[in-house]
C-alpha atoms as a PDB file:
ATOM      1  CA  UNK A   1     -44.504  68.919  14.715  1.00  0.00           C
ATOM      2  CA  UNK A   2     -43.701  68.360  18.386  1.00  0.00           C
ATOM      3  CA  UNK A   3     -40.503  66.524  17.424  1.00  0.00           C
ATOM      4  CA  UNK A   4     -39.410  69.408  15.187  1.00  0.00           C
ATOM      5  CA  UNK A   5     -40.118  71.924  17.954  1.00  0.00           C
ATOM      6  CA  UNK A   6     -38.073  69.865  20.439  1.00  0.00           C
ATOM      7  CA  UNK A   7     -35.166  69.524  18.028  1.00  0.00           C
ATOM      8  CA  UNK A   8     -35.245  73.256  17.281  1.00  0.00           C
ATOM      9  CA  UNK A   9     -35.249  74.113  20.967  1.00  0.00           C
ATOM     10  CA  UNK A  10     -32.297  71.785  21.528  1.00  0.00           C
ATOM     11  CA  UNK A  11     -30.321  73.385  18.698  1.00  0.00           C
ATOM     12  CA  UNK A  12     -31.033  76.892  19.975  1.00  0.00           C
ATOM     13  CA  UNK A  13     -29.974  75.878  23.488  1.00  0.00           C
ATOM     14  CA  UNK A  14     -26.721  74.360  22.243  1.00  0.00           C
ATOM     15  CA  UNK A  15     -25.999  77.448  20.128  1.00  0.00           C
ATOM     16  CA  UNK A  16     -26.611  79.691  23.160  1.00  0.00           C
ATOM     17  CA  UNK A  17     -24.265  77.637  25.342  1.00  0.00           C
ATOM     18  CA  UNK A  18     -21.532  77.831  22.690  1.00  0.00           C
ATOM     19  CA  UNK A  19     -21.967  81.609  22.329  1.00  0.00           C
ATOM     20  CA  UNK A  20     -21.892  82.198  26.084  1.00  0.00           C
ATOM     21  CA  UNK A  21     -18.829  79.982  26.484  1.00  0.00           C
ATOM     22  CA  UNK A  22     -16.999  81.853  23.720  1.00  0.00           C
ATOM     23  CA  UNK A  23     -17.871  85.170  25.374  1.00  0.00           C
ATOM     24  CA  UNK A  24     -16.652  83.890  28.751  1.00  0.00           C
ATOM     25  CA  UNK A  25     -13.333  82.848  27.216  1.00  0.00           C
ATOM     26  CA  UNK A  26     -12.904  86.339  25.713  1.00  0.00           C
ATOM     27  CA  UNK A  27     -13.649  87.961  29.065  1.00  0.00           C
ATOM     28  CA  UNK A  28     -11.301  85.643  30.921  1.00  0.00           C
ATOM     29  CA  UNK A  29      -8.517  86.775  28.582  1.00  0.00           C
ATOM     30  CA  UNK A  30      -9.149  90.338  29.823  1.00  0.00           C
ATOM     31  CA  UNK A  31      -8.477  89.246  33.406  1.00  0.00           C
ATOM     32  CA  UNK A  32      -6.162  91.650  35.219  1.00  0.00           C
ATOM     33  CA  UNK A  33      -4.774  92.187  38.683  1.00  0.00           C
ATOM     34  CA  UNK A  34      -6.188  94.965  40.826  1.00  0.00           C
ATOM     35  CA  UNK A  35      -5.098  96.473  44.118  1.00  0.00           C
ATOM     36  CA  UNK A  36      -8.034  96.740  46.511  1.00  0.00           C
ATOM     37  CA  UNK A  37      -8.031  99.398  49.231  1.00  0.00           C
ATOM     38  CA  UNK A  38      -8.406  98.046  52.777  1.00  0.00           C
ATOM     39  CA  UNK A  39     -12.088  99.045  52.929  1.00  0.00           C
ATOM     40  CA  UNK A  40     -12.908  97.026  49.799  1.00  0.00           C
ATOM     41  CA  UNK A  41     -10.836  94.087  51.082  1.00  0.00           C
ATOM     42  CA  UNK A  42     -12.919  94.133  54.257  1.00  0.00           C
ATOM     43  CA  UNK A  43     -16.138  93.993  52.189  1.00  0.00           C
ATOM     44  CA  UNK A  44     -14.785  91.062  50.165  1.00  0.00           C
ATOM     45  CA  UNK A  45     -13.906  89.186  53.361  1.00  0.00           C
ATOM     46  CA  UNK A  46     -17.258  90.002  54.963  1.00  0.00           C
ATOM     47  CA  UNK A  47     -19.090  88.579  51.927  1.00  0.00           C
ATOM     48  CA  UNK A  48     -16.718  85.631  51.475  1.00  0.00           C
ATOM     49  CA  UNK A  49     -15.849  86.632  47.913  1.00  0.00           C
ATOM     50  CA  UNK A  50     -12.059  87.038  48.133  1.00  0.00           C
ATOM     51  CA  UNK A  51     -11.370  84.169  45.740  1.00  0.00           C
ATOM     52  CA  UNK A  52     -14.557  84.491  43.670  1.00  0.00           C
ATOM     53  CA  UNK A  53     -14.010  87.976  42.286  1.00  0.00           C
ATOM     54  CA  UNK A  54     -12.469  88.405  38.836  1.00  0.00           C
ATOM     55  CA  UNK A  55     -11.391  91.815  37.639  1.00  0.00           C
ATOM     56  CA  UNK A  56     -11.370  92.434  33.891  1.00  0.00           C
ATOM     57  CA  UNK A  57      -9.784  95.294  31.981  1.00  0.00           C
ATOM     58  CA  UNK A  58     -12.658  96.977  30.165  1.00  0.00           C
ATOM     59  CA  UNK A  59     -13.561 100.566  29.322  1.00  0.00           C
ATOM     60  CA  UNK A  60     -17.244  99.896  30.058  1.00  0.00           C
ATOM     61  CA  UNK A  61     -18.601  99.681  33.617  1.00  0.00           C
ATOM     62  CA  UNK A  62     -19.560  96.003  33.790  1.00  0.00           C
ATOM     63  CA  UNK A  63     -20.629  93.682  36.619  1.00  0.00           C
ATOM     64  CA  UNK A  64     -22.038  90.189  36.320  1.00  0.00           C
ATOM     65  CA  UNK A  65     -21.904  86.690  37.745  1.00  0.00           C
ATOM     66  CA  UNK A  66     -20.926  83.775  35.536  1.00  0.00           C
ATOM     67  CA  UNK A  67     -20.213  80.082  35.947  1.00  0.00           C
ATOM     68  CA  UNK A  68     -22.254  77.066  36.888  1.00  0.00           C
ATOM     69  CA  UNK A  69     -19.790  74.745  38.599  1.00  0.00           C
ATOM     70  CA  UNK A  70     -17.777  77.601  40.195  1.00  0.00           C
ATOM     71  CA  UNK A  71     -19.647  80.915  39.914  1.00  0.00           C
ATOM     72  CA  UNK A  72     -17.522  84.049  39.934  1.00  0.00           C
ATOM     73  CA  UNK A  73     -18.326  87.740  40.091  1.00  0.00           C
ATOM     74  CA  UNK A  74     -16.786  89.768  37.262  1.00  0.00           C
ATOM     75  CA  UNK A  75     -16.182  93.497  37.662  1.00  0.00           C
ATOM     76  CA  UNK A  76     -14.520  95.805  35.183  1.00  0.00           C
ATOM     77  CA  UNK A  77     -11.721  98.170  36.138  1.00  0.00           C
ATOM     78  CA  UNK A  78     -13.734 101.138  34.873  1.00  0.00           C
ATOM     79  CA  UNK A  79     -16.630 100.213  37.174  1.00  0.00           C
ATOM     80  CA  UNK A  80     -14.332  99.919  40.179  1.00  0.00           C
ATOM     81  CA  UNK A  81     -13.049 103.435  39.531  1.00  0.00           C
ATOM     82  CA  UNK A  82     -16.502 105.003  39.850  1.00  0.00           C
ATOM     83  CA  UNK A  83     -18.063 103.005  42.702  1.00  0.00           C
ATOM     84  CA  UNK A  84     -18.412 104.244  46.244  1.00  0.00           C
ATOM     85  CA  UNK A  85     -17.775 101.698  49.003  1.00  0.00           C
ATOM     86  CA  UNK A  86     -21.530 101.277  49.588  1.00  0.00           C
ATOM     87  CA  UNK A  87     -22.147 100.728  45.845  1.00  0.00           C
ATOM     88  CA  UNK A  88     -19.284  98.218  45.729  1.00  0.00           C
ATOM     89  CA  UNK A  89     -20.862  96.224  48.556  1.00  0.00           C
ATOM     90  CA  UNK A  90     -24.340  96.439  47.028  1.00  0.00           C
ATOM     91  CA  UNK A  91     -23.166  95.139  43.651  1.00  0.00           C
ATOM     92  CA  UNK A  92     -21.307  92.244  45.240  1.00  0.00           C
END
């Protein structure tokens, strides 16, 4: 019974990793360039996130962090359009 539970947990974990990886690949394909105003650039520099921020083209306001070896912060273009400077800094 304990062996079956361990095997089941392992299979679920592997399935989750595969699903998350597939989702990450889809999101990475949505990667787009974005022009940051000087105020937002200053926030990125202050937080040391200039090269860790990935902007994705998405109609939903989305923000999350993803990646184990090299974590990155993902923000959607629609979210960037509605954030104030203070909200931008808070999310990052």
